[in-house]
């Protein structure tokens, strides 16, 4: 992006459905996102396995000879529930441990269409950014208007003064993979002056680890 300084993003974490969805455009977009990341020499962190859109994006990144890391709860590996991870795999004990590791190992986050799990991961990362736990860019790839309703709801929450205009800027959206990656690379985090005073030390005690579950 001409005239705009960009951050160096080496690893994207992608949240998306373990289903493929009704519209073939979702599958095509997941493969295309993986292709875009691969061509830009960006590695992938994701939830592991090969089901649905998760399998599409991880396969595409691997085909372009970039590193793929799947972080997966051990419970999902029993009886090969989600299929073989494309690339390296780290097994964790809990869903929360998985999400914390995703945050720590990634430089930015993209959500593709998905269900409750995808939405939980997306909003957890947004709330952690709001709480100054991380300052990494977060975006949704709004394929065929999939996230229109969600974005409208977020804007409604801003109007009702439950989300501040500053916090609203945390969530970025675009309709194409290239546009979204460009926006995320150009993102500049603007922390809330009050919340920026919070000090988090997730490795020092179990209590502080549990504090990461806070949501606003």
Protein backbone atom coordinates (compact mmCIF):
# COMPACT_ATOMS: atom_id res chain seq x y z
CA UNK A 1 0.00 0.00 0.00
CA UNK A 2 1.73 3.14 -1.28
CA UNK A 3 2.43 5.78 1.34
CA UNK A 4 1.45 3.54 4.25
CA UNK A 5 3.98 1.80 6.48
CA UNK A 6 3.22 -1.88 6.94
CA UNK A 7 4.02 -4.33 9.68
CA UNK A 8 5.85 -7.55 8.93
CA UNK A 9 3.42 -10.42 9.35
CA UNK A 10 5.12 -13.80 9.16
CA UNK A 11 2.32 -16.00 10.57
CA UNK A 12 -1.41 -15.64 10.15
CA UNK A 13 -3.82 -17.53 12.37
CA UNK A 14 -6.99 -18.41 10.46
CA UNK A 15 -10.25 -19.23 12.22
CA UNK A 16 -12.89 -20.93 10.08
CA UNK A 17 -15.49 -23.66 9.88
CA UNK A 18 -14.88 -27.38 10.06
CA UNK A 19 -17.73 -27.51 7.55
CA UNK A 20 -17.59 -26.26 3.99
CA UNK A 21 -20.82 -24.28 4.13
CA UNK A 22 -23.68 -24.06 1.66
CA UNK A 23 -22.04 -21.74 -0.87
CA UNK A 24 -19.14 -23.07 -2.94
CA UNK A 25 -17.76 -19.53 -2.81
CA UNK A 26 -16.67 -20.21 0.79
CA UNK A 27 -14.50 -23.13 -0.30
CA UNK A 28 -13.07 -21.16 -3.21
CA UNK A 29 -12.27 -18.22 -0.95
CA UNK A 30 -10.55 -20.45 1.62
CA UNK A 31 -8.32 -21.97 -1.06
CA UNK A 32 -7.62 -18.52 -2.49
CA UNK A 33 -6.69 -17.12 0.93
CA UNK A 34 -4.21 -19.97 1.36
CA UNK A 35 -2.81 -19.21 -2.08
CA UNK A 36 -2.44 -15.50 -1.22
CA UNK A 37 -0.65 -16.30 2.03
CA UNK A 38 1.64 -18.73 0.27
CA UNK A 39 2.57 -16.27 -2.49
CA UNK A 40 3.32 -13.63 0.15
CA UNK A 41 5.53 -16.12 1.99
CA UNK A 42 3.31 -16.09 5.08
CA UNK A 43 2.95 -19.19 7.27
CA UNK A 44 -0.30 -20.51 8.73
CA UNK A 45 -1.46 -21.31 12.24
CA UNK A 46 -4.88 -22.96 12.45
CA UNK A 47 -6.98 -25.36 14.49
CA UNK A 48 -5.69 -28.58 12.94
CA UNK A 49 -7.32 -31.37 10.97
CA UNK A 50 -8.50 -31.34 7.37
CA UNK A 51 -12.26 -30.82 7.61
CA UNK A 52 -14.20 -28.08 5.85
CA UNK A 53 -12.68 -24.67 5.27
CA UNK A 54 -9.90 -25.50 7.75
CA UNK A 55 -8.70 -28.21 5.39
CA UNK A 56 -9.02 -25.95 2.35
CA UNK A 57 -6.90 -23.09 3.62
CA UNK A 58 -4.24 -25.33 5.19
CA UNK A 59 -3.90 -27.43 2.05
CA UNK A 60 -3.48 -24.34 -0.13
CA UNK A 61 -0.79 -22.86 2.14
CA UNK A 62 1.10 -26.17 2.20
CA UNK A 63 0.91 -26.45 -1.60
CA UNK A 64 2.81 -23.17 -1.78
CA UNK A 65 5.54 -24.63 0.44
CA UNK A 66 4.84 -22.50 3.50
CA UNK A 67 4.81 -23.83 7.04
CA UNK A 68 1.48 -24.99 8.46
CA UNK A 69 0.96 -25.50 12.18
CA UNK A 70 -2.19 -27.09 13.54
CA UNK A 71 -2.97 -26.60 17.24
CA UNK A 72 -5.54 -29.16 18.28
CA UNK A 73 -7.07 -30.43 21.53
CA UNK A 74 -6.14 -34.05 22.19
CA UNK A 75 -9.82 -34.95 22.44
CA UNK A 76 -10.25 -34.18 18.73
CA UNK A 77 -7.54 -36.65 17.74
CA UNK A 78 -9.32 -39.66 19.22
CA UNK A 79 -10.64 -41.93 16.45
CA UNK A 80 -9.24 -39.47 13.91
CA UNK A 81 -12.27 -37.22 14.44
CA UNK A 82 -11.05 -34.25 12.39
CA UNK A 83 -8.64 -35.94 10.00
CA UNK A 84 -4.91 -35.55 9.60
CA UNK A 85 -3.41 -32.12 10.16
CA UNK A 86 -1.75 -30.60 7.12
CA UNK A 87 1.74 -29.83 8.42
CA UNK A 88 3.07 -29.87 11.96
CA UNK A 89 0.73 -30.47 14.87
CA UNK A 90 0.74 -29.47 18.52
CA UNK A 91 -1.70 -31.25 20.84
CA UNK A 92 -3.08 -29.37 23.83
CA UNK A 93 -5.33 -30.36 26.71
CA UNK A 94 -8.07 -27.72 26.48
CA UNK A 95 -9.76 -25.36 24.07
CA UNK A 96 -8.55 -22.40 26.12
CA UNK A 97 -4.93 -23.58 25.94
CA UNK A 98 -5.34 -23.92 22.20
CA UNK A 99 -6.54 -20.34 21.81
CA UNK A 100 -3.80 -18.90 24.03
CA UNK A 101 -1.17 -20.74 22.00
CA UNK A 102 -2.70 -19.50 18.76
CA UNK A 103 -2.47 -15.95 20.07
CA UNK A 104 1.13 -16.33 21.17
CA UNK A 105 2.38 -17.98 17.96
CA UNK A 106 0.63 -15.72 15.44
CA UNK A 107 1.20 -12.18 14.19
CA UNK A 108 -2.37 -11.53 13.00
CA UNK A 109 -5.79 -13.20 12.76
CA UNK A 110 -8.31 -13.79 9.98
CA UNK A 111 -11.78 -15.27 10.35
CA UNK A 112 -13.47 -16.99 7.44
CA UNK A 113 -17.09 -18.16 7.57
CA UNK A 114 -17.77 -20.62 10.36
CA UNK A 115 -20.02 -21.45 13.28
CA UNK A 116 -20.01 -20.87 17.02
CA UNK A 117 -16.40 -21.99 17.45
CA UNK A 118 -15.16 -19.55 14.81
CA UNK A 119 -17.17 -16.72 16.34
CA UNK A 120 -15.86 -17.53 19.82
CA UNK A 121 -12.27 -17.47 18.60
CA UNK A 122 -12.81 -14.21 16.72
CA UNK A 123 -14.44 -12.36 19.59
CA UNK A 124 -12.01 -13.75 22.14
CA UNK A 125 -9.14 -12.25 20.16
CA UNK A 126 -11.01 -8.95 19.85
CA UNK A 127 -11.72 -8.76 23.58
CA UNK A 128 -8.11 -9.68 24.40
CA UNK A 129 -6.94 -6.86 22.13
CA UNK A 130 -9.35 -4.49 23.86
CA UNK A 131 -7.92 -5.60 27.22
CA UNK A 132 -4.38 -4.91 25.95
CA UNK A 133 -3.41 -8.59 26.19
CA UNK A 134 -2.16 -8.35 22.60
CA UNK A 135 -2.03 -5.67 19.90
CA UNK A 136 -2.21 -7.86 16.79
CA UNK A 137 -4.52 -7.09 13.84
CA UNK A 138 -7.80 -8.99 13.45
CA UNK A 139 -10.01 -9.20 10.37
CA UNK A 140 -12.90 -11.02 8.77
CA UNK A 141 -13.01 -12.07 5.13
CA UNK A 142 -16.58 -11.11 4.26
CA UNK A 143 -17.34 -13.58 1.49
CA UNK A 144 -20.66 -12.94 -0.26
CA UNK A 145 -21.80 -10.83 2.68
CA UNK A 146 -21.49 -13.69 5.19
CA UNK A 147 -20.44 -11.31 7.98
CA UNK A 148 -22.81 -8.46 7.08
CA UNK A 149 -25.19 -9.25 9.93
CA UNK A 150 -22.36 -9.56 12.45
CA UNK A 151 -20.77 -6.29 11.38
CA UNK A 152 -24.14 -4.56 11.56
CA UNK A 153 -24.64 -5.90 15.08
CA UNK A 154 -21.23 -4.63 16.16
CA UNK A 155 -22.04 -1.20 14.73
CA UNK A 156 -25.39 -1.31 16.56
CA UNK A 157 -23.53 -2.06 19.82
CA UNK A 158 -21.38 1.01 19.16
CA UNK A 159 -24.47 3.17 18.67
CA UNK A 160 -25.88 1.80 21.93
CA UNK A 161 -22.57 2.69 23.65
CA UNK A 162 -21.60 -0.85 24.65
CA UNK A 163 -18.60 -0.81 22.30
CA UNK A 164 -16.46 2.32 22.01
CA UNK A 165 -15.59 3.75 18.58
CA UNK A 166 -11.93 3.10 19.44
CA UNK A 167 -12.62 -0.57 20.18
CA UNK A 168 -14.67 -0.88 16.97
CA UNK A 169 -11.52 -0.16 14.97
CA UNK A 170 -10.02 -3.45 16.22
CA UNK A 171 -12.22 -5.46 13.85
CA UNK A 172 -11.25 -5.04 10.20
CA UNK A 173 -13.18 -6.41 7.25
CA UNK A 174 -12.69 -6.83 3.52
CA UNK A 175 -14.26 -8.79 0.69
CA UNK A 176 -11.06 -10.14 -0.89
CA UNK A 177 -8.04 -11.88 0.58
CA UNK A 178 -5.52 -9.44 -0.88
CA UNK A 179 -7.41 -6.41 0.41
CA UNK A 180 -7.75 -7.90 3.88
CA UNK A 181 -4.08 -8.84 4.16
CA UNK A 182 -3.11 -5.33 3.02
CA UNK A 183 -5.40 -3.76 5.63
CA UNK A 184 -4.07 -5.98 8.40
CA UNK A 185 -0.48 -5.18 7.47
CA UNK A 186 -1.29 -1.46 7.62
CA UNK A 187 -3.18 -1.72 10.93
CA UNK A 188 -2.03 0.47 13.80
CA UNK A 189 -3.33 -0.54 17.22
CA UNK A 190 -4.91 2.23 19.30
CA UNK A 191 -5.25 1.12 22.90
CA UNK A 192 -7.73 2.51 25.40
CA UNK A 193 -5.77 4.77 27.81
CA UNK A 194 -7.38 3.16 30.86
CA UNK A 195 -7.10 -0.44 29.68
CA UNK A 196 -3.53 0.10 28.45
CA UNK A 197 -2.50 0.30 32.10
CA UNK A 198 -3.44 -3.34 32.64
CA UNK A 199 -0.43 -5.62 33.08
CA UNK A 200 -0.79 -9.23 32.03
CA UNK A 201 1.64 -12.01 32.84
CA UNK A 202 0.06 -15.21 31.52
CA UNK A 203 3.00 -17.41 32.48
CA UNK A 204 3.39 -16.42 36.14
CA UNK A 205 0.42 -18.01 37.88
CA UNK A 206 -2.70 -20.06 37.29
CA UNK A 207 -4.87 -17.16 38.43
CA UNK A 208 -3.40 -14.89 35.79
CA UNK A 209 -3.94 -17.57 33.16
CA UNK A 210 -7.60 -17.72 34.12
CA UNK A 211 -7.77 -13.95 33.83
CA UNK A 212 -7.34 -14.37 30.07
CA UNK A 213 -10.95 -15.58 29.89
CA UNK A 214 -12.24 -12.10 30.69
CA UNK A 215 -14.59 -10.62 28.13
CA UNK A 216 -16.09 -7.15 27.94
